[in-house]
Amino acid sequence: MTIKAERAERSDMVLKESESELEAGDPAPEFELEGVDGETYSLDSFADDEALLLVFTCNHCPYAQAKFDLLNELAAEYDDVAVVGINPNDAEEYPDDSIDQMREYVDDGKVDYDAYLRDERQDVARAYGAVCTPDPFLFARDDDEFELVYHGRLDDALNPDDEPTRFHVREAIESVLAGTSVDLEWQPSRGCSIKWKDD
């Protein structure tokens, strides 16, 4: 068993695949969430961006950790795309996912998204139908609102130790920025289950 697989077992991981009921063209559900920088973020915070990549993620899950570098790269590469991590996990049961630990991940450079937000009440994760970490949603701006254009895996590396050969999210972003439709099959993301407070 690999080190990452051992960590997955120790983290009480339940493997899940994404299954949101949001469909192509649906507007992004509204939210107001605290960021690690102490600011409050909403959809309006990203109104100047052409696209918004919301990824429900966390600190402790090896599947989420395996995508840190890709999300950091996307945030640095695309000026017109906001890359936003949202951590909804129950931090009482999983203290690695507390906002203090989220700040540490940002401070030491593990996480370098455009924003890293805490969904303490888990209302936002439920509104989006997120079920796993990572669970990515890509929205394109249409006039004054963001509409869903892609919900699925970030790349084709489905296990933490796999090396990706195709980056689905990058293809989707490139389509949005080129003004063309996102012609990708929505294959589910895979990761640890979101740690709900009532589980």
Protein backbone atom coordinates (compact mmCIF):
# COMPACT_ATOMS: atom_id res chain seq x y z
CA MET A 1 0.00 0.00 0.00
CA THR A 2 1.33 3.43 -0.89
CA ILE A 3 1.87 6.19 1.67
CA LYS A 4 -1.01 8.20 0.21
CA ALA A 5 -3.29 5.17 0.31
CA GLU A 6 -2.35 4.60 3.96
CA ARG A 7 -3.17 8.26 4.71
CA ALA A 8 -6.51 7.77 2.96
CA GLU A 9 -7.34 4.86 5.22
CA ARG A 10 -6.32 6.77 8.34
CA SER A 11 -8.50 9.73 7.32
CA ASP A 12 -11.67 7.60 7.60
CA MET A 13 -12.12 8.10 3.88
CA VAL A 14 -15.33 7.12 2.16
CA LEU A 15 -14.81 7.18 -1.60
CA LYS A 16 -17.52 9.08 -3.48
CA GLU A 17 -18.20 10.27 -7.01
CA SER A 18 -19.76 13.65 -7.78
CA GLU A 19 -23.48 13.66 -8.53
CA SER A 20 -24.87 17.20 -8.34
CA GLU A 21 -28.34 17.93 -9.67
CA LEU A 22 -27.14 21.20 -11.22
CA GLU A 23 -27.32 21.05 -15.01
CA ALA A 24 -25.64 22.91 -17.85
CA GLY A 25 -26.89 26.48 -17.99
CA ASP A 26 -28.03 26.58 -14.36
CA PRO A 27 -27.00 29.73 -12.47
CA ALA A 28 -24.48 29.43 -9.69
CA PRO A 29 -26.22 29.34 -6.30
CA GLU A 30 -25.47 32.45 -4.26
CA PHE A 31 -23.21 32.34 -1.24
CA GLU A 32 -21.47 34.50 1.35
CA LEU A 33 -18.46 32.78 2.88
CA GLU A 34 -15.44 33.76 4.94
CA GLY A 35 -12.06 33.48 3.27
CA VAL A 36 -8.80 32.65 4.99
CA ASP A 37 -7.89 36.31 4.56
CA GLY A 38 -10.81 37.35 6.78
CA GLU A 39 -12.77 38.84 3.89
CA THR A 40 -16.32 37.78 3.00
CA TYR A 41 -16.77 36.48 -0.55
CA SER A 42 -19.83 36.14 -2.76
CA LEU A 43 -20.43 35.59 -6.46
CA ASP A 44 -20.18 39.37 -6.90
CA SER A 45 -16.58 39.18 -5.70
CA PHE A 46 -15.73 37.54 -9.02
CA ALA A 47 -17.91 39.64 -11.30
CA ASP A 48 -14.92 40.84 -13.33
CA ASP A 49 -13.88 37.31 -14.25
CA GLU A 50 -14.93 35.48 -17.41
CA ALA A 51 -15.12 32.16 -15.62
CA LEU A 52 -15.37 30.88 -12.05
CA LEU A 53 -14.00 27.50 -11.04
CA LEU A 54 -15.48 26.51 -7.68
CA VAL A 55 -13.92 23.41 -6.19
CA PHE A 56 -15.29 21.86 -3.02
CA THR A 57 -12.12 20.60 -1.43
CA CYS A 58 -10.34 20.27 1.90
CA ASN A 59 -6.96 19.94 3.56
CA HIS A 60 -6.84 16.35 4.77
CA CYS A 61 -8.14 14.21 1.88
CA PRO A 62 -5.35 12.70 -0.26
CA TYR A 63 -7.54 13.02 -3.37
CA ALA A 64 -7.89 16.76 -2.72
CA GLN A 65 -4.21 17.12 -1.86
CA ALA A 66 -3.27 15.51 -5.18
CA LYS A 67 -4.98 18.40 -7.02
CA PHE A 68 -3.45 21.30 -5.05
CA ASP A 69 -0.69 21.87 -7.60
CA LEU A 70 -3.05 21.80 -10.59
CA LEU A 71 -5.45 24.30 -9.00
CA ASN A 72 -2.53 26.54 -8.00
CA GLU A 73 -1.28 26.45 -11.59
CA LEU A 74 -4.70 27.30 -13.00
CA ALA A 75 -5.05 30.24 -10.60
CA ALA A 76 -1.65 31.59 -11.68
CA GLU A 77 -2.11 30.93 -15.39
CA TYR A 78 -5.56 32.39 -16.15
CA ASP A 79 -6.09 36.05 -15.29
CA ASP A 80 -9.75 35.91 -16.39
CA VAL A 81 -10.63 32.82 -14.34
CA ALA A 82 -11.20 32.84 -10.59
CA VAL A 83 -10.11 29.58 -8.94
CA VAL A 84 -11.88 29.26 -5.62
CA GLY A 85 -11.61 26.44 -3.09
CA ILE A 86 -14.49 25.88 -0.68
CA ASN A 87 -13.89 23.67 2.37
CA PRO A 88 -17.18 22.38 3.85
CA ASN A 89 -15.87 19.57 6.08
CA ASP A 90 -16.86 19.21 9.72
CA ALA A 91 -13.83 20.74 11.41
CA GLU A 92 -14.78 19.45 14.86
CA GLU A 93 -14.37 15.86 13.69
CA TYR A 94 -11.62 16.73 11.19
CA PRO A 95 -9.55 19.54 12.76
CA ASP A 96 -7.15 19.54 9.79
CA ASP A 97 -9.99 21.29 7.95
CA SER A 98 -10.43 24.16 10.39
CA ILE A 99 -10.04 27.68 9.05
CA ASP A 100 -6.83 28.04 11.08
CA GLN A 101 -5.37 25.04 9.29
CA MET A 102 -6.65 26.40 5.97
CA ARG A 103 -4.71 29.60 6.69
CA GLU A 104 -1.59 27.56 7.38
CA TYR A 105 -1.93 25.79 4.03
CA VAL A 106 -2.16 29.16 2.31
CA ASP A 107 0.66 30.72 4.33
CA ASP A 108 3.08 27.89 3.54
CA GLY A 109 2.15 27.86 -0.16
CA LYS A 110 0.42 24.48 -0.34
CA VAL A 111 -2.75 26.27 -1.43
CA ASP A 112 -2.46 29.31 -3.69
CA TYR A 113 -5.94 29.71 -5.16
CA ASP A 114 -7.57 33.06 -5.85
CA ALA A 115 -9.63 32.45 -2.70
CA TYR A 116 -9.96 29.67 -0.13
CA LEU A 117 -13.31 29.81 1.65
CA ARG A 118 -14.81 28.10 4.70
CA ASP A 119 -18.35 26.68 4.39
CA GLU A 120 -18.83 26.31 8.13
CA ARG A 121 -22.60 25.68 7.98
CA GLN A 122 -22.24 23.43 4.92
CA ASP A 123 -25.20 25.20 3.29
CA VAL A 124 -23.23 26.06 0.17
CA ALA A 125 -22.02 22.51 -0.41
CA ARG A 126 -25.60 21.32 -0.10
CA ALA A 127 -26.88 24.02 -2.47
CA TYR A 128 -24.39 22.92 -5.12
CA GLY A 129 -24.98 19.22 -4.48
CA ALA A 130 -21.29 18.64 -3.75
CA VAL A 131 -20.51 15.21 -2.35
CA CYS A 132 -16.75 14.66 -2.56
CA THR A 133 -13.39 16.40 -2.34
CA PRO A 134 -12.48 17.55 -4.87
CA ASP A 135 -15.83 18.33 -6.54
CA PRO A 136 -15.28 20.98 -9.29
CA PHE A 137 -17.88 23.26 -10.89
CA LEU A 138 -16.93 25.57 -13.78
CA PHE A 139 -19.16 28.56 -14.49
CA ALA A 140 -18.96 31.01 -17.39
CA ARG A 141 -20.11 34.60 -16.98
CA ASP A 142 -23.16 35.45 -19.09
CA ASP A 143 -24.05 39.11 -18.65
CA ASP A 144 -24.54 39.51 -14.89
CA GLU A 145 -24.55 35.88 -13.76
CA PHE A 146 -22.43 32.76 -13.82
CA GLU A 147 -23.89 29.74 -15.62
CA LEU A 148 -22.68 26.17 -15.19
CA VAL A 149 -20.75 24.90 -18.20
CA TYR A 150 -18.88 21.93 -16.71
CA HIS A 151 -19.16 19.71 -13.65
CA GLY A 152 -16.75 16.81 -13.58
CA ARG A 153 -13.24 15.63 -12.98
CA LEU A 154 -10.30 17.99 -13.12
CA ASP A 155 -8.15 15.49 -14.97
CA ASP A 156 -7.95 11.77 -15.72
CA ALA A 157 -5.83 10.88 -12.67
CA LEU A 158 -8.55 9.37 -10.49
CA ASN A 159 -6.29 8.12 -7.70
CA PRO A 160 -3.83 10.19 -5.65
CA ASP A 161 -0.77 8.37 -7.01
CA ASP A 162 -1.85 8.49 -10.69
CA GLU A 163 -0.17 10.81 -13.18
CA PRO A 164 -2.66 12.72 -15.35
CA THR A 165 -2.49 12.54 -19.12
CA ARG A 166 -5.54 14.70 -19.85
CA PHE A 167 -6.73 17.85 -18.10
CA HIS A 168 -10.48 18.09 -18.62
CA VAL A 169 -10.84 21.30 -16.64
CA ARG A 170 -8.18 23.04 -18.71
CA GLU A 171 -10.00 22.06 -21.92
CA ALA A 172 -13.22 23.45 -20.48
CA ILE A 173 -11.58 26.71 -19.42
CA GLU A 174 -9.97 27.16 -22.84
CA SER A 175 -13.38 26.72 -24.49
CA VAL A 176 -14.96 29.33 -22.24
CA LEU A 177 -12.19 31.86 -22.88
CA ALA A 178 -12.42 31.20 -26.63
CA GLY A 179 -16.15 31.91 -26.55
CA THR A 180 -17.10 28.39 -27.64
CA SER A 181 -19.32 25.82 -25.97
CA VAL A 182 -17.75 23.30 -23.62
CA ASP A 183 -18.02 20.03 -25.51
CA LEU A 184 -16.94 17.60 -22.80
CA GLU A 185 -18.63 14.59 -21.28
CA TRP A 186 -19.29 15.25 -17.60
CA GLN A 187 -17.43 12.33 -16.06
CA PRO A 188 -17.73 12.34 -12.25
CA SER A 189 -14.96 13.51 -10.02
CA ARG A 190 -13.76 11.10 -7.35
CA GLY A 191 -12.58 11.78 -3.84
CA CYS A 192 -13.22 11.49 -0.14
CA SER A 193 -16.79 12.02 0.95
CA ILE A 194 -17.63 15.45 2.36
CA LYS A 195 -17.65 15.11 6.15
CA TRP A 196 -21.18 16.24 7.03
CA LYS A 197 -21.89 17.35 10.57
CA ASP A 198 -24.93 15.09 10.91
CA ASP A 199 -23.18 11.93 9.64
